[in-house]
Amino acid sequence: MKNWLFNVWNVAKIELLQKIRQKNTLAILVFLMLFTFFVFQIEIQH
């Protein structure tokens, strides 16, 4: 049921690793905030 969530997470990890390699700190912070919010919303709905 949560397969799509794992797919999103896998894509997100790849994106995050690329940003870390580029040392794009602002992008990393924004990304983590968005991802945390996304997960939080899912937890509320269940």
PDB file of N, CA and C in Angstrom:
ATOM      1  N   MET A   1       0.829  -1.205   0.000  1.00  0.00           N
ATOM      2  CA  MET A   1       0.000   0.000   0.000  1.00  0.00           C
ATOM      3  C   MET A   1       0.864   1.256   0.000  1.00  0.00           C
ATOM      4  N   LYS A   2       2.006   1.170   0.683  1.00  0.00           N
ATOM      5  CA  LYS A   2       2.885   2.336   0.747  1.00  0.00           C
ATOM      6  C   LYS A   2       4.033   2.229  -0.255  1.00  0.00           C
ATOM      7  N   ASN A   3       3.865   1.391  -1.277  1.00  0.00           N
ATOM      8  CA  ASN A   3       4.914   1.225  -2.289  1.00  0.00           C
ATOM      9  C   ASN A   3       5.275   2.540  -2.955  1.00  0.00           C
ATOM     10  N   TRP A   4       4.256   3.332  -3.249  1.00  0.00           N
ATOM     11  CA  TRP A   4       4.509   4.622  -3.912  1.00  0.00           C
ATOM     12  C   TRP A   4       5.353   5.519  -3.030  1.00  0.00           C
ATOM     13  N   LEU A   5       5.167   5.413  -1.707  1.00  0.00           N
ATOM     14  CA  LEU A   5       5.946   6.227  -0.779  1.00  0.00           C
ATOM     15  C   LEU A   5       7.419   5.840  -0.845  1.00  0.00           C
ATOM     16  N   PHE A   6       7.693   4.541  -0.957  1.00  0.00           N
ATOM     17  CA  PHE A   6       9.079   4.095  -1.072  1.00  0.00           C
ATOM     18  C   PHE A   6       9.683   4.558  -2.393  1.00  0.00           C
ATOM     19  N   ASN A   7       8.876   4.566  -3.454  1.00  0.00           N
ATOM     20  CA  ASN A   7       9.361   5.074  -4.740  1.00  0.00           C
ATOM     21  C   ASN A   7       9.733   6.542  -4.636  1.00  0.00           C
ATOM     22  N   VAL A   8       8.874   7.325  -3.997  1.00  0.00           N
ATOM     23  CA  VAL A   8       9.147   8.750  -3.792  1.00  0.00           C
ATOM     24  C   VAL A   8      10.412   8.921  -2.964  1.00  0.00           C
ATOM     25  N   TRP A   9      10.546   8.111  -1.918  1.00  0.00           N
ATOM     26  CA  TRP A   9      11.714   8.197  -1.037  1.00  0.00           C
ATOM     27  C   TRP A   9      12.994   7.886  -1.799  1.00  0.00           C
ATOM     28  N   ASN A  10      12.952   6.847  -2.668  1.00  0.00           N
ATOM     29  CA  ASN A  10      14.143   6.488  -3.448  1.00  0.00           C
ATOM     30  C   ASN A  10      14.559   7.616  -4.373  1.00  0.00           C
ATOM     31  N   VAL A  11      13.601   8.232  -5.042  1.00  0.00           N
ATOM     32  CA  VAL A  11      13.898   9.376  -5.906  1.00  0.00           C
ATOM     33  C   VAL A  11      14.459  10.518  -5.073  1.00  0.00           C
ATOM     34  N   ALA A  12      13.839  10.746  -3.918  1.00  0.00           N
ATOM     35  CA  ALA A  12      14.263  11.835  -3.040  1.00  0.00           C
ATOM     36  C   ALA A  12      15.696  11.640  -2.570  1.00  0.00           C
ATOM     37  N   LYS A  13      16.062  10.407  -2.233  1.00  0.00           N
ATOM     38  CA  LYS A  13      17.425  10.130  -1.775  1.00  0.00           C
ATOM     39  C   LYS A  13      18.440  10.455  -2.861  1.00  0.00           C
ATOM     40  N   ILE A  14      18.131  10.074  -4.098  1.00  0.00           N
ATOM     41  CA  ILE A  14      19.035  10.346  -5.219  1.00  0.00           C
ATOM     42  C   ILE A  14      19.206  11.847  -5.404  1.00  0.00           C
ATOM     43  N   GLU A  15      18.081  12.575  -5.377  1.00  0.00           N
ATOM     44  CA  GLU A  15      18.124  14.036  -5.506  1.00  0.00           C
ATOM     45  C   GLU A  15      18.982  14.647  -4.404  1.00  0.00           C
ATOM     46  N   LEU A  16      18.769  14.185  -3.176  1.00  0.00           N
ATOM     47  CA  LEU A  16      19.482  14.737  -2.031  1.00  0.00           C
ATOM     48  C   LEU A  16      20.975  14.471  -2.142  1.00  0.00           C
ATOM     49  N   LEU A  17      21.338  13.253  -2.560  1.00  0.00           N
ATOM     50  CA  LEU A  17      22.759  12.915  -2.713  1.00  0.00           C
ATOM     51  C   LEU A  17      23.420  13.809  -3.756  1.00  0.00           C
ATOM     52  N   GLN A  18      22.721  14.089  -4.847  1.00  0.00           N
ATOM     53  CA  GLN A  18      23.267  14.969  -5.884  1.00  0.00           C
ATOM     54  C   GLN A  18      23.482  16.371  -5.329  1.00  0.00           C
ATOM     55  N   LYS A  19      22.528  16.859  -4.546  1.00  0.00           N
ATOM     56  CA  LYS A  19      22.650  18.200  -3.975  1.00  0.00           C
ATOM     57  C   LYS A  19      23.795  18.267  -2.965  1.00  0.00           C
ATOM     58  N   ILE A  20      23.979  17.194  -2.196  1.00  0.00           N
ATOM     59  CA  ILE A  20      25.086  17.158  -1.236  1.00  0.00           C
ATOM     60  C   ILE A  20      26.416  17.202  -1.987  1.00  0.00           C
ATOM     61  N   ARG A  21      26.511  16.478  -3.088  1.00  0.00           N
ATOM     62  CA  ARG A  21      27.747  16.487  -3.878  1.00  0.00           C
ATOM     63  C   ARG A  21      28.033  17.880  -4.421  1.00  0.00           C
ATOM     64  N   GLN A  22      26.974  18.600  -4.768  1.00  0.00           N
ATOM     65  CA  GLN A  22      27.136  19.962  -5.285  1.00  0.00           C
ATOM     66  C   GLN A  22      27.336  20.965  -4.154  1.00  0.00           C
ATOM     67  N   LYS A  23      27.208  20.481  -2.909  1.00  0.00           N
ATOM     68  CA  LYS A  23      27.349  21.324  -1.716  1.00  0.00           C
ATOM     69  C   LYS A  23      26.386  22.516  -1.753  1.00  0.00           C
ATOM     70  N   ASN A  24      25.160  22.220  -2.186  1.00  0.00           N
ATOM     71  CA  ASN A  24      24.128  23.248  -2.270  1.00  0.00           C
ATOM     72  C   ASN A  24      23.321  23.221  -0.965  1.00  0.00           C
ATOM     73  N   THR A  25      23.837  23.933   0.042  1.00  0.00           N
ATOM     74  CA  THR A  25      23.268  23.863   1.390  1.00  0.00           C
ATOM     75  C   THR A  25      21.822  24.343   1.435  1.00  0.00           C
ATOM     76  N   LEU A  26      21.533  25.448   0.770  1.00  0.00           N
ATOM     77  CA  LEU A  26      20.175  25.995   0.792  1.00  0.00           C
ATOM     78  C   LEU A  26      19.183  24.998   0.194  1.00  0.00           C
ATOM     79  N   ALA A  27      19.553  24.407  -0.928  1.00  0.00           N
ATOM     80  CA  ALA A  27      18.679  23.428  -1.577  1.00  0.00           C
ATOM     81  C   ALA A  27      18.425  22.237  -0.658  1.00  0.00           C
ATOM     82  N   ILE A  28      19.469  21.814   0.062  1.00  0.00           N
ATOM     83  CA  ILE A  28      19.324  20.686   0.979  1.00  0.00           C
ATOM     84  C   ILE A  28      18.339  21.028   2.096  1.00  0.00           C
ATOM     85  N   LEU A  29      18.476  22.218   2.676  1.00  0.00           N
ATOM     86  CA  LEU A  29      17.588  22.627   3.769  1.00  0.00           C
ATOM     87  C   LEU A  29      16.137  22.710   3.304  1.00  0.00           C
ATOM     88  N   VAL A  30      15.912  23.340   2.164  1.00  0.00           N
ATOM     89  CA  VAL A  30      14.553  23.463   1.623  1.00  0.00           C
ATOM     90  C   VAL A  30      13.979  22.080   1.337  1.00  0.00           C
ATOM     91  N   PHE A  31      14.818  21.227   0.740  1.00  0.00           N
ATOM     92  CA  PHE A  31      14.390  19.878   0.397  1.00  0.00           C
ATOM     93  C   PHE A  31      13.973  19.100   1.645  1.00  0.00           C
ATOM     94  N   LEU A  32      14.783  19.188   2.692  1.00  0.00           N
ATOM     95  CA  LEU A  32      14.469  18.460   3.926  1.00  0.00           C
ATOM     96  C   LEU A  32      13.184  18.979   4.566  1.00  0.00           C
ATOM     97  N   MET A  33      12.981  20.291   4.530  1.00  0.00           N
ATOM     98  CA  MET A  33      11.748  20.859   5.087  1.00  0.00           C
ATOM     99  C   MET A  33      10.526  20.356   4.315  1.00  0.00           C
ATOM    100  N   LEU A  34      10.617  20.376   2.987  1.00  0.00           N
ATOM    101  CA  LEU A  34       9.505  19.915   2.163  1.00  0.00           C
ATOM    102  C   LEU A  34       9.226  18.441   2.405  1.00  0.00           C
ATOM    103  N   PHE A  35      10.306  17.639   2.482  1.00  0.00           N
ATOM    104  CA  PHE A  35      10.124  16.202   2.663  1.00  0.00           C
ATOM    105  C   PHE A  35       9.503  15.893   4.023  1.00  0.00           C
ATOM    106  N   THR A  36       9.962  16.606   5.057  1.00  0.00           N
ATOM    107  CA  THR A  36       9.418  16.413   6.403  1.00  0.00           C
ATOM    108  C   THR A  36       7.931  16.749   6.422  1.00  0.00           C
ATOM    109  N   PHE A  37       7.569  17.865   5.784  1.00  0.00           N
ATOM    110  CA  PHE A  37       6.171  18.279   5.702  1.00  0.00           C
ATOM    111  C   PHE A  37       5.337  17.220   4.977  1.00  0.00           C
ATOM    112  N   PHE A  38       5.881  16.683   3.880  1.00  0.00           N
ATOM    113  CA  PHE A  38       5.220  15.667   3.070  1.00  0.00           C
ATOM    114  C   PHE A  38       4.929  14.420   3.907  1.00  0.00           C
ATOM    115  N   VAL A  39       5.932  13.942   4.628  1.00  0.00           N
ATOM    116  CA  VAL A  39       5.768  12.753   5.467  1.00  0.00           C
ATOM    117  C   VAL A  39       4.771  13.030   6.591  1.00  0.00           C
ATOM    118  N   PHE A  40       4.870  14.226   7.180  1.00  0.00           N
ATOM    119  CA  PHE A  40       3.982  14.622   8.274  1.00  0.00           C
ATOM    120  C   PHE A  40       2.524  14.588   7.817  1.00  0.00           C
ATOM    121  N   GLN A  41       2.245  15.105   6.625  1.00  0.00           N
ATOM    122  CA  GLN A  41       0.884  15.116   6.083  1.00  0.00           C
ATOM    123  C   GLN A  41       0.359  13.695   5.915  1.00  0.00           C
ATOM    124  N   ILE A  42       1.206  12.792   5.433  1.00  0.00           N
ATOM    125  CA  ILE A  42       0.801  11.400   5.228  1.00  0.00           C
ATOM    126  C   ILE A  42       0.459  10.755   6.568  1.00  0.00           C
ATOM    127  N   GLU A  43       1.277  11.019   7.584  1.00  0.00           N
ATOM    128  CA  GLU A  43       1.038  10.440   8.907  1.00  0.00           C
ATOM    129  C   GLU A  43      -0.287  10.931   9.486  1.00  0.00           C
ATOM    130  N   ILE A  44      -0.622  12.194   9.263  1.00  0.00           N
ATOM    131  CA  ILE A  44      -1.883  12.754   9.763  1.00  0.00           C
ATOM    132  C   ILE A  44      -3.074  12.045   9.115  1.00  0.00           C
ATOM    133  N   GLN A  45      -2.980  11.770   7.828  1.00  0.00           N
ATOM    134  CA  GLN A  45      -4.088  11.168   7.094  1.00  0.00           C
ATOM    135  C   GLN A  45      -4.330   9.716   7.498  1.00  0.00           C
ATOM    136  N   HIS A  46      -3.350   9.039   8.058  1.00  0.00           N
ATOM    137  CA  HIS A  46      -3.506   7.631   8.423  1.00  0.00           C
ATOM    138  C   HIS A  46      -3.763   7.442   9.905  1.00  0.00           C
TER     139      HIS A  46
END
